[in-house]
N, C-alpha and C. Protein backbone atom coordinates (compact mmCIF):
# COMPACT_ATOMS: atom_id res chain seq x y z
N MET A 1 1.58 -8.71 19.20
CA MET A 1 0.40 -8.53 18.33
C MET A 1 1.06 -8.93 16.98
N PHE A 2 1.88 -8.19 16.36
CA PHE A 2 2.38 -7.99 15.05
C PHE A 2 3.50 -9.15 14.72
N GLU A 3 3.99 -9.80 15.42
CA GLU A 3 4.94 -10.87 14.77
C GLU A 3 4.58 -11.68 13.57
N PRO A 4 3.33 -12.31 13.96
CA PRO A 4 2.78 -13.23 12.83
C PRO A 4 2.68 -12.41 11.34
N LEU A 5 2.42 -10.95 11.41
CA LEU A 5 2.13 -10.46 10.27
C LEU A 5 3.29 -9.89 9.45
N ILE A 6 4.57 -9.67 10.04
CA ILE A 6 5.61 -9.16 9.39
C ILE A 6 6.08 -10.36 8.32
N PRO A 7 6.13 -11.48 8.79
CA PRO A 7 6.43 -12.51 7.58
C PRO A 7 5.26 -12.54 6.21
N LEU A 8 4.15 -12.28 6.78
CA LEU A 8 3.19 -11.96 5.68
C LEU A 8 3.41 -10.62 4.73
N ASN A 9 3.74 -9.68 5.32
CA ASN A 9 4.11 -8.30 4.66
C ASN A 9 5.54 -8.67 3.61
N ASP A 10 6.18 -9.00 4.36
CA ASP A 10 7.51 -9.37 3.71
C ASP A 10 7.24 -10.36 2.48
N PHE A 11 6.43 -11.24 2.37
CA PHE A 11 5.84 -12.32 1.58
C PHE A 11 5.20 -11.28 0.25
N ASN A 12 4.20 -10.39 0.55
CA ASN A 12 3.62 -9.81 -0.20
C ASN A 12 4.56 -8.44 -0.81
N ARG A 13 5.55 -8.12 -0.14
CA ARG A 13 6.53 -7.02 -0.81
C ARG A 13 7.33 -7.79 -1.64
N ASP A 14 7.69 -9.04 -1.51
CA ASP A 14 8.50 -9.70 -2.73
C ASP A 14 7.49 -10.32 -3.64
N TYR A 15 6.33 -10.34 -3.33
CA TYR A 15 5.25 -10.69 -4.49
C TYR A 15 5.26 -9.81 -5.37
N LEU A 16 4.99 -8.43 -4.80
CA LEU A 16 4.80 -7.42 -5.64
C LEU A 16 6.01 -6.87 -6.60
N LYS A 17 7.07 -7.36 -6.20
CA LYS A 17 8.41 -7.12 -6.85
C LYS A 17 8.20 -8.26 -8.17
N ARG A 18 8.13 -9.38 -7.71
CA ARG A 18 7.86 -10.55 -8.95
C ARG A 18 6.69 -9.98 -9.72
N LEU A 19 5.71 -9.58 -9.25
CA LEU A 19 4.93 -9.18 -10.28
C LEU A 19 5.10 -8.37 -11.20
N LEU A 20 5.77 -7.10 -10.81
CA LEU A 20 6.34 -6.01 -11.69
C LEU A 20 7.61 -6.09 -12.51
N PHE A 21 8.21 -7.69 -12.10
CA PHE A 21 9.72 -7.44 -12.89
C PHE A 21 9.02 -7.64 -14.21
N GLY A 22 10.23 -6.95 -15.09
CA GLY A 22 10.01 -7.28 -16.52
C GLY A 22 8.75 -6.16 -17.17
N ILE A 23 8.02 -5.44 -16.39
CA ILE A 23 7.02 -4.83 -16.88
C ILE A 23 7.56 -3.30 -16.94
N PRO A 24 7.57 -2.61 -18.28
CA PRO A 24 8.21 -1.37 -18.53
C PRO A 24 7.22 -0.35 -18.06
N ASP A 25 7.94 0.91 -17.51
CA ASP A 25 7.33 1.63 -16.68
C ASP A 25 6.10 2.51 -17.29
N HIS A 26 6.07 2.76 -18.69
CA HIS A 26 4.84 3.03 -19.44
C HIS A 26 3.58 2.18 -19.44
N GLU A 27 3.82 0.85 -18.99
CA GLU A 27 2.44 0.08 -18.95
C GLU A 27 1.88 0.20 -17.61
N LEU A 28 2.67 0.93 -16.58
CA LEU A 28 1.92 0.99 -15.36
C LEU A 28 0.81 2.00 -15.22
N ASP A 29 0.51 2.44 -16.55
CA ASP A 29 -0.69 3.43 -16.80
C ASP A 29 -1.89 2.91 -17.28
N SER A 30 -1.65 1.47 -17.58
CA SER A 30 -2.65 0.77 -18.58
C SER A 30 -3.80 0.61 -17.44
N THR A 31 -5.09 0.85 -17.83
CA THR A 31 -5.97 0.17 -17.03
C THR A 31 -7.13 -0.62 -17.96
N PHE A 32 -7.95 -1.30 -17.15
CA PHE A 32 -8.63 -2.31 -17.95
C PHE A 32 -9.89 -2.23 -17.34
N GLY A 33 -10.92 -1.59 -17.92
CA GLY A 33 -12.36 -1.40 -17.42
C GLY A 33 -12.84 0.07 -16.84
N GLN A 34 -13.61 0.36 -16.80
CA GLN A 34 -14.10 1.89 -16.29
C GLN A 34 -13.97 1.79 -15.02
N GLY A 35 -13.51 2.79 -14.43
CA GLY A 35 -13.11 2.72 -13.15
C GLY A 35 -11.98 2.04 -12.38
N ALA A 36 -11.37 1.55 -13.12
CA ALA A 36 -10.36 -0.02 -12.95
C ALA A 36 -9.02 1.07 -12.34
N HIS A 37 -8.55 1.01 -11.56
CA HIS A 37 -7.33 1.89 -11.36
C HIS A 37 -5.90 1.11 -12.06
N SER A 38 -5.08 2.04 -12.51
CA SER A 38 -3.73 1.70 -13.07
C SER A 38 -2.95 0.93 -12.17
N ALA A 39 -1.86 0.15 -12.14
CA ALA A 39 -0.90 -0.15 -11.73
C ALA A 39 -0.09 0.89 -10.59
N ARG A 40 0.08 2.20 -11.50
CA ARG A 40 0.63 2.97 -10.86
C ARG A 40 -0.08 3.56 -9.63
N TRP A 41 -1.59 3.70 -9.92
CA TRP A 41 -2.22 4.05 -8.91
C TRP A 41 -2.14 3.41 -7.68
N ILE A 42 -2.21 1.94 -7.95
CA ILE A 42 -2.01 1.05 -6.69
C ILE A 42 -0.82 1.20 -6.12
N LEU A 43 0.19 1.27 -6.65
CA LEU A 43 1.80 1.14 -6.11
C LEU A 43 2.19 2.47 -5.25
N VAL A 44 1.24 3.90 -5.88
CA VAL A 44 1.63 5.00 -5.37
C VAL A 44 0.38 4.85 -4.03
N HIS A 45 -0.65 4.34 -4.07
CA HIS A 45 -1.63 4.10 -3.04
C HIS A 45 -1.10 3.32 -1.84
N LEU A 46 -0.36 2.18 -2.35
CA LEU A 46 0.55 1.29 -1.13
C LEU A 46 1.50 2.14 -0.50
N ALA A 47 2.16 3.17 -1.17
CA ALA A 47 3.01 3.84 -1.08
C ALA A 47 2.88 5.03 0.09
N ILE A 48 1.35 5.38 -0.09
CA ILE A 48 1.01 6.39 1.20
C ILE A 48 0.51 5.80 2.00
N ALA A 49 -0.08 4.52 1.91
CA ALA A 49 -0.68 3.67 3.11
C ALA A 49 0.12 3.70 4.14
N VAL A 50 1.48 3.35 3.86
CA VAL A 50 2.31 3.50 5.07
C VAL A 50 2.15 4.47 5.84
N ASP A 51 2.00 5.62 5.68
CA ASP A 51 1.89 6.73 6.45
C ASP A 51 0.79 6.73 7.57
N TYR A 52 -0.10 5.92 6.93
CA TYR A 52 -1.45 5.96 7.78
C TYR A 52 -1.22 4.99 8.83
N GLY A 53 0.05 3.82 8.64
CA GLY A 53 0.88 3.19 9.45
C GLY A 53 1.78 3.71 10.65
N PHE A 54 2.18 4.60 10.15
CA PHE A 54 3.21 5.53 10.80
C PHE A 54 2.39 6.26 11.94
N MET A 55 1.17 7.15 11.83
CA MET A 55 0.49 8.01 12.17
C MET A 55 -0.12 7.15 13.36
N GLN A 56 -0.37 5.77 13.15
CA GLN A 56 -0.99 4.81 14.19
C GLN A 56 0.18 5.04 15.37
N LEU A 57 1.08 5.04 15.05
CA LEU A 57 2.22 4.80 15.88
C LEU A 57 2.86 6.02 16.61
N ASN A 58 2.26 7.52 16.08
CA ASN A 58 2.83 8.65 16.20
C ASN A 58 4.19 9.04 15.75
N LEU A 59 4.19 8.69 14.54
CA LEU A 59 5.96 8.77 13.88
C LEU A 59 5.56 9.32 12.72
N PRO A 60 6.38 10.32 12.23
CA PRO A 60 6.21 11.14 11.09
C PRO A 60 6.16 10.45 10.17
N THR A 61 5.18 11.05 9.27
CA THR A 61 4.88 10.09 7.94
C THR A 61 6.20 10.64 6.84
N VAL A 62 6.32 9.93 5.79
CA VAL A 62 7.48 9.88 4.59
C VAL A 62 7.13 10.00 3.47
N ALA A 63 5.59 9.89 2.94
CA ALA A 63 5.19 9.96 1.21
C ALA A 63 5.12 11.32 1.18
N PRO A 64 5.57 12.26 -0.23
CA PRO A 64 5.17 13.32 -0.50
C PRO A 64 4.01 13.38 -0.39
N GLU A 65 3.52 15.00 0.16
CA GLU A 65 2.19 15.21 0.02
C GLU A 65 1.34 14.93 -1.60
N ILE A 66 2.12 15.50 -2.12
CA ILE A 66 1.52 15.38 -3.56
C ILE A 66 1.03 14.09 -3.77
N TRP A 67 1.76 12.99 -3.72
CA TRP A 67 1.52 11.53 -3.76
C TRP A 67 0.12 11.36 -3.12
N HIS A 68 0.00 11.95 -1.85
CA HIS A 68 -1.33 11.52 -1.11
C HIS A 68 -2.69 12.20 -1.73
N LYS A 69 -2.33 13.80 -2.33
CA LYS A 69 -3.47 14.23 -2.96
C LYS A 69 -3.86 13.83 -4.50
N ALA A 70 -2.97 13.15 -5.30
CA ALA A 70 -3.15 12.61 -6.61
C ALA A 70 -3.54 11.11 -6.14
N TYR A 71 -3.19 10.42 -5.25
CA TYR A 71 -3.60 9.05 -5.20
C TYR A 71 -3.87 8.59 -4.10
N GLY A 72 -4.54 9.47 -3.16
CA GLY A 72 -5.19 8.91 -2.07
C GLY A 72 -6.69 8.34 -2.26
N PRO A 73 -7.44 8.06 -0.83
CA PRO A 73 -8.33 7.35 -0.91
C PRO A 73 -9.66 8.32 -1.79
N GLY A 74 -10.26 7.91 -2.69
CA GLY A 74 -11.32 8.75 -3.06
C GLY A 74 -10.78 9.54 -4.58
N SER A 75 -9.32 9.50 -4.76
CA SER A 75 -8.73 9.90 -5.81
C SER A 75 -8.97 9.77 -7.36
N GLU A 76 -9.26 10.34 -8.14
CA GLU A 76 -9.58 10.01 -9.32
C GLU A 76 -8.24 10.03 -10.45
N PRO A 77 -8.44 9.09 -11.68
CA PRO A 77 -7.07 9.20 -12.26
C PRO A 77 -6.75 10.52 -12.78
N ALA A 78 -7.89 11.44 -13.11
CA ALA A 78 -7.18 12.62 -13.94
C ALA A 78 -6.41 13.38 -12.56
N SER A 79 -6.59 13.08 -11.50
CA SER A 79 -6.00 13.82 -10.58
C SER A 79 -4.21 13.37 -10.32
N SER A 80 -4.24 12.37 -10.90
CA SER A 80 -2.44 11.92 -10.73
C SER A 80 -2.01 11.54 -12.39
N LYS A 81 -2.54 12.53 -13.56
CA LYS A 81 -1.94 12.30 -14.46
C LYS A 81 -0.68 12.90 -14.99
N ASP A 82 -0.44 14.05 -13.90
CA ASP A 82 0.83 14.69 -13.93
C ASP A 82 1.95 14.03 -12.99
N ILE A 83 1.62 13.60 -12.12
CA ILE A 83 2.16 13.03 -11.08
C ILE A 83 2.26 11.63 -10.99
N ARG A 84 3.66 11.16 -11.64
CA ARG A 84 3.90 9.77 -12.06
C ARG A 84 5.36 9.45 -11.75
N PRO A 85 5.44 8.92 -10.40
CA PRO A 85 6.52 8.56 -9.92
C PRO A 85 6.80 7.16 -10.45
N GLU A 86 7.97 6.91 -10.77
CA GLU A 86 8.56 5.66 -11.95
C GLU A 86 8.48 4.55 -11.05
N LYS A 87 8.45 3.20 -11.53
CA LYS A 87 8.17 1.87 -10.63
C LYS A 87 9.21 1.57 -9.98
N ASP A 88 10.63 1.78 -10.35
CA ASP A 88 11.91 1.47 -9.45
C ASP A 88 11.58 2.29 -8.23
N GLU A 89 11.29 3.78 -8.28
CA GLU A 89 11.17 4.50 -6.96
C GLU A 89 9.97 3.96 -6.11
N LEU A 90 8.88 3.76 -6.50
CA LEU A 90 7.68 3.13 -5.98
C LEU A 90 8.26 1.86 -5.41
N VAL A 91 8.79 0.84 -5.96
CA VAL A 91 8.77 -0.53 -5.34
C VAL A 91 10.10 0.10 -4.06
N ARG A 92 10.93 0.52 -4.45
CA ARG A 92 12.21 0.72 -3.49
C ARG A 92 11.56 1.50 -2.09
N PHE A 93 10.76 2.63 -2.42
CA PHE A 93 9.94 3.44 -1.42
C PHE A 93 9.19 2.36 -0.70
N ILE A 94 8.21 1.40 -1.51
CA ILE A 94 7.61 0.80 -0.76
C ILE A 94 8.42 -0.44 0.38
N ASP A 95 9.16 -0.94 -0.39
CA ASP A 95 10.06 -1.79 0.38
C ASP A 95 10.49 -1.43 1.61
N GLU A 96 11.31 -0.30 1.29
CA GLU A 96 12.26 0.47 2.89
C GLU A 96 11.34 0.76 3.61
N ASN A 97 9.95 1.61 3.15
CA ASN A 97 9.09 2.20 4.32
C ASN A 97 8.45 0.88 4.96
N TYR A 98 7.63 -0.08 4.31
CA TYR A 98 7.30 -1.14 5.01
C TYR A 98 7.73 -1.98 5.89
N GLU A 99 9.50 -1.95 5.80
CA GLU A 99 10.10 -2.44 6.30
C GLU A 99 10.34 -2.00 7.82
N LYS A 100 10.39 -0.66 7.71
CA LYS A 100 10.52 0.21 8.86
C LYS A 100 9.29 0.40 9.53
N LEU A 101 7.93 0.13 8.86
CA LEU A 101 6.81 0.30 9.60
C LEU A 101 6.80 -1.04 10.42
N SER A 102 7.37 -2.07 9.73
CA SER A 102 7.25 -3.52 10.86
C SER A 102 8.07 -3.55 11.80
N GLN A 103 9.08 -2.79 11.52
CA GLN A 103 10.09 -3.01 12.95
C GLN A 103 9.20 -1.75 13.87
N ALA A 104 8.80 -0.79 13.59
CA ALA A 104 7.99 0.36 14.45
C ALA A 104 6.94 -0.16 15.04
N ALA A 105 6.48 -1.27 14.55
CA ALA A 105 5.11 -1.79 14.82
C ALA A 105 5.09 -2.74 15.91
N LEU A 106 6.57 -3.26 15.57
CA LEU A 106 7.09 -4.55 16.65
C LEU A 106 7.39 -4.15 18.03
N ALA A 107 7.60 -2.61 18.02
CA ALA A 107 8.11 -1.89 19.08
C ALA A 107 7.13 -1.08 19.65
N GLY A 108 5.97 -0.80 19.05
CA GLY A 108 4.90 0.06 19.34
C GLY A 108 4.67 -0.30 20.75
N ASP A 109 3.96 0.99 21.23
CA ASP A 109 3.19 0.89 22.62
C ASP A 109 2.06 0.13 22.81
N ALA A 110 1.41 -0.81 23.81
CA ALA A 110 0.52 -1.29 23.55
C ALA A 110 -0.58 -0.59 23.95
N THR A 111 -0.48 0.34 24.46
CA THR A 111 -1.39 1.33 25.31
C THR A 111 -1.85 2.30 23.95
N GLN A 112 -1.19 2.80 23.21
CA GLN A 112 -1.17 3.60 21.97
C GLN A 112 -1.98 2.78 21.33
N LEU A 113 -1.68 1.60 20.94
CA LEU A 113 -2.21 0.80 19.86
C LEU A 113 -3.55 0.31 20.39
N ALA A 114 -4.08 0.55 21.31
CA ALA A 114 -5.51 0.20 21.87
C ALA A 114 -6.39 1.26 21.66
N ILE A 115 -5.69 2.57 21.36
CA ILE A 115 -6.77 3.82 21.15
C ILE A 115 -7.50 3.67 19.95
N THR A 116 -8.70 4.06 19.95
CA THR A 116 -9.52 4.25 18.63
C THR A 116 -8.90 4.74 17.53
N HIS A 117 -9.03 4.47 16.49
CA HIS A 117 -8.27 5.00 15.47
C HIS A 117 -9.31 5.93 15.04
N THR A 118 -8.78 6.84 14.05
CA THR A 118 -9.68 8.01 13.67
C THR A 118 -9.45 8.19 12.14
N VAL A 119 -9.81 7.06 11.67
CA VAL A 119 -9.64 6.86 10.12
C VAL A 119 -11.34 6.96 9.67
N PRO A 120 -12.20 7.97 9.19
CA PRO A 120 -13.32 8.23 8.75
C PRO A 120 -13.78 7.16 7.86
N LEU A 121 -13.01 6.67 6.63
CA LEU A 121 -13.30 5.76 6.15
C LEU A 121 -13.67 4.45 6.43
N LEU A 122 -12.95 3.97 7.45
CA LEU A 122 -12.87 2.63 8.19
C LEU A 122 -13.74 2.81 9.76
N ALA A 123 -14.60 3.89 9.99
CA ALA A 123 -15.12 3.94 11.09
C ALA A 123 -16.00 2.94 11.65
N ASN A 124 -16.82 2.36 10.68
CA ASN A 124 -17.93 1.66 10.76
C ASN A 124 -17.52 -0.03 10.39
N THR A 125 -16.32 -0.15 10.88
CA THR A 125 -15.58 -1.37 10.47
C THR A 125 -15.56 -2.22 11.60
N PRO A 126 -14.99 -3.14 11.60
CA PRO A 126 -14.56 -4.24 12.62
C PRO A 126 -13.11 -3.78 12.94
N LEU A 127 -12.56 -2.92 12.43
CA LEU A 127 -11.25 -2.27 12.70
C LEU A 127 -11.45 -1.10 13.29
N LYS A 128 -11.07 -1.31 14.96
CA LYS A 128 -11.47 -0.08 16.08
C LYS A 128 -10.27 0.36 16.44
N THR A 129 -9.25 -0.19 16.61
CA THR A 129 -7.95 0.39 17.56
C THR A 129 -7.11 1.01 16.42
N ARG A 130 -6.32 1.30 16.83
CA ARG A 130 -5.13 1.84 15.91
C ARG A 130 -4.00 0.57 15.47
N GLY A 131 -4.08 -0.23 16.49
CA GLY A 131 -3.36 -1.37 16.51
C GLY A 131 -4.18 -2.46 15.24
N ASP A 132 -5.58 -2.40 15.25
CA ASP A 132 -6.34 -2.96 14.16
C ASP A 132 -6.00 -2.54 12.80
N LEU A 133 -6.18 -0.92 12.71
CA LEU A 133 -5.66 -0.53 11.44
C LEU A 133 -4.36 -0.79 11.25
N LEU A 134 -3.29 -0.75 11.92
CA LEU A 134 -1.93 -0.87 11.49
C LEU A 134 -1.72 -2.36 11.15
N ALA A 135 -2.46 -3.43 11.75
CA ALA A 135 -2.47 -4.74 11.24
C ALA A 135 -3.16 -4.64 9.89
N HIS A 136 -4.20 -4.15 9.64
CA HIS A 136 -4.82 -4.44 8.38
C HIS A 136 -3.52 -3.82 7.35
N ILE A 137 -3.18 -2.20 7.58
CA ILE A 137 -2.16 -1.78 6.52
C ILE A 137 -1.19 -2.97 6.26
N LEU A 138 -0.62 -3.41 7.07
CA LEU A 138 0.69 -4.49 7.16
C LEU A 138 0.20 -5.73 6.41
N ALA A 139 -1.11 -6.17 6.63
CA ALA A 139 -1.41 -7.54 5.79
C ALA A 139 -2.58 -7.20 4.78
N THR A 140 -3.70 -7.16 5.36
CA THR A 140 -4.80 -7.28 4.50
C THR A 140 -5.05 -6.20 3.30
N HIS A 141 -4.78 -5.08 3.61
CA HIS A 141 -4.88 -3.77 2.84
C HIS A 141 -3.89 -4.03 1.59
N PHE A 142 -2.80 -4.50 1.93
CA PHE A 142 -1.45 -4.84 1.07
C PHE A 142 -1.70 -5.83 0.42
N ALA A 143 -2.05 -7.13 0.86
CA ALA A 143 -2.48 -8.00 0.05
C ALA A 143 -3.58 -7.84 -1.20
N SER A 144 -4.66 -7.09 -0.71
CA SER A 144 -5.75 -6.88 -1.56
C SER A 144 -5.38 -6.35 -2.68
N HIS A 145 -4.32 -5.20 -2.70
CA HIS A 145 -3.79 -4.33 -3.65
C HIS A 145 -2.87 -5.31 -4.55
N VAL A 146 -1.86 -6.06 -4.24
CA VAL A 146 -1.14 -6.83 -4.64
C VAL A 146 -2.05 -7.82 -5.34
N GLY A 147 -3.26 -8.63 -5.01
CA GLY A 147 -4.16 -9.23 -5.95
C GLY A 147 -4.39 -8.39 -7.10
N GLN A 148 -5.04 -7.12 -6.95
CA GLN A 148 -5.40 -6.29 -8.09
C GLN A 148 -4.06 -6.41 -9.01
N LEU A 149 -2.77 -5.96 -8.16
CA LEU A 149 -1.71 -5.85 -9.34
C LEU A 149 -1.59 -7.23 -10.07
N SER A 150 -1.85 -8.58 -9.58
CA SER A 150 -1.95 -9.62 -10.11
C SER A 150 -2.87 -9.92 -11.15
N SER A 151 -4.07 -9.28 -11.33
CA SER A 151 -5.05 -9.48 -12.10
C SER A 151 -4.54 -8.52 -13.03
N TRP A 152 -4.13 -7.37 -12.80
CA TRP A 152 -3.87 -6.25 -13.76
C TRP A 152 -2.62 -7.14 -14.65
N ARG A 153 -1.67 -7.59 -13.89
CA ARG A 153 -0.52 -8.41 -14.84
C ARG A 153 -0.95 -9.05 -16.08
N ARG A 154 -1.81 -10.26 -15.18
CA ARG A 154 -2.45 -11.15 -16.32
C ARG A 154 -3.44 -10.36 -17.29
N LEU A 155 -3.83 -9.27 -17.17
CA LEU A 155 -4.58 -8.69 -18.45
C LEU A 155 -3.68 -7.97 -19.21
N LEU A 156 -2.40 -8.04 -18.80
CA LEU A 156 -1.58 -7.45 -19.72
C LEU A 156 -0.75 -8.71 -20.55
N GLY A 157 -1.59 -9.95 -20.20
CA GLY A 157 -1.15 -10.88 -21.13
C GLY A 157 0.15 -11.54 -20.63
N MET A 158 0.62 -11.10 -19.31
CA MET A 158 1.50 -11.95 -18.64
C MET A 158 1.41 -13.35 -17.95
N PRO A 159 2.15 -14.11 -18.02
CA PRO A 159 1.83 -15.56 -17.40
C PRO A 159 1.64 -15.42 -15.74
N PRO A 160 0.87 -16.79 -15.15
CA PRO A 160 0.60 -16.48 -13.72
C PRO A 160 2.14 -16.67 -13.28
N LEU A 161 2.12 -16.51 -11.98
CA LEU A 161 3.77 -16.53 -11.12
C LEU A 161 3.14 -17.86 -10.41
N PHE A 162 2.18 -18.12 -10.03
CA PHE A 162 1.79 -19.55 -9.35
C PHE A 162 0.94 -20.53 -10.03
């Protein structure tokens, strides 16, 4: 089920690194427009999303709980002003843990992945099962946030990568 998604996640993780190359850590907190998230928020959000993938496989979570509170769904920028993991730490955490999640997904139990997921935010969406949610985390969720980072990078005045 997940074989086609692994190269997509690999691509997006590589793209994320390329988007952030050469951008100093202090720029990660720049925002453009009211309600827009900073790059740091997006990176920590991606980092904590890996835990939702591990949960679908009944595996232990890996992201610090403080990251979940400060950067989780519905969080406000003010909640994260004192919790600022560095870019290199976040990129390394994302890369290592999405690789682990990818391998765990490939080895996942089909019966377990067919169970209805329990994420309230996505309850009334086409994502019905744990497998659907895991696929979303590996592919579309990750890609949508990489797209945000691409736009954020361009607003910093950086040239396009493609």
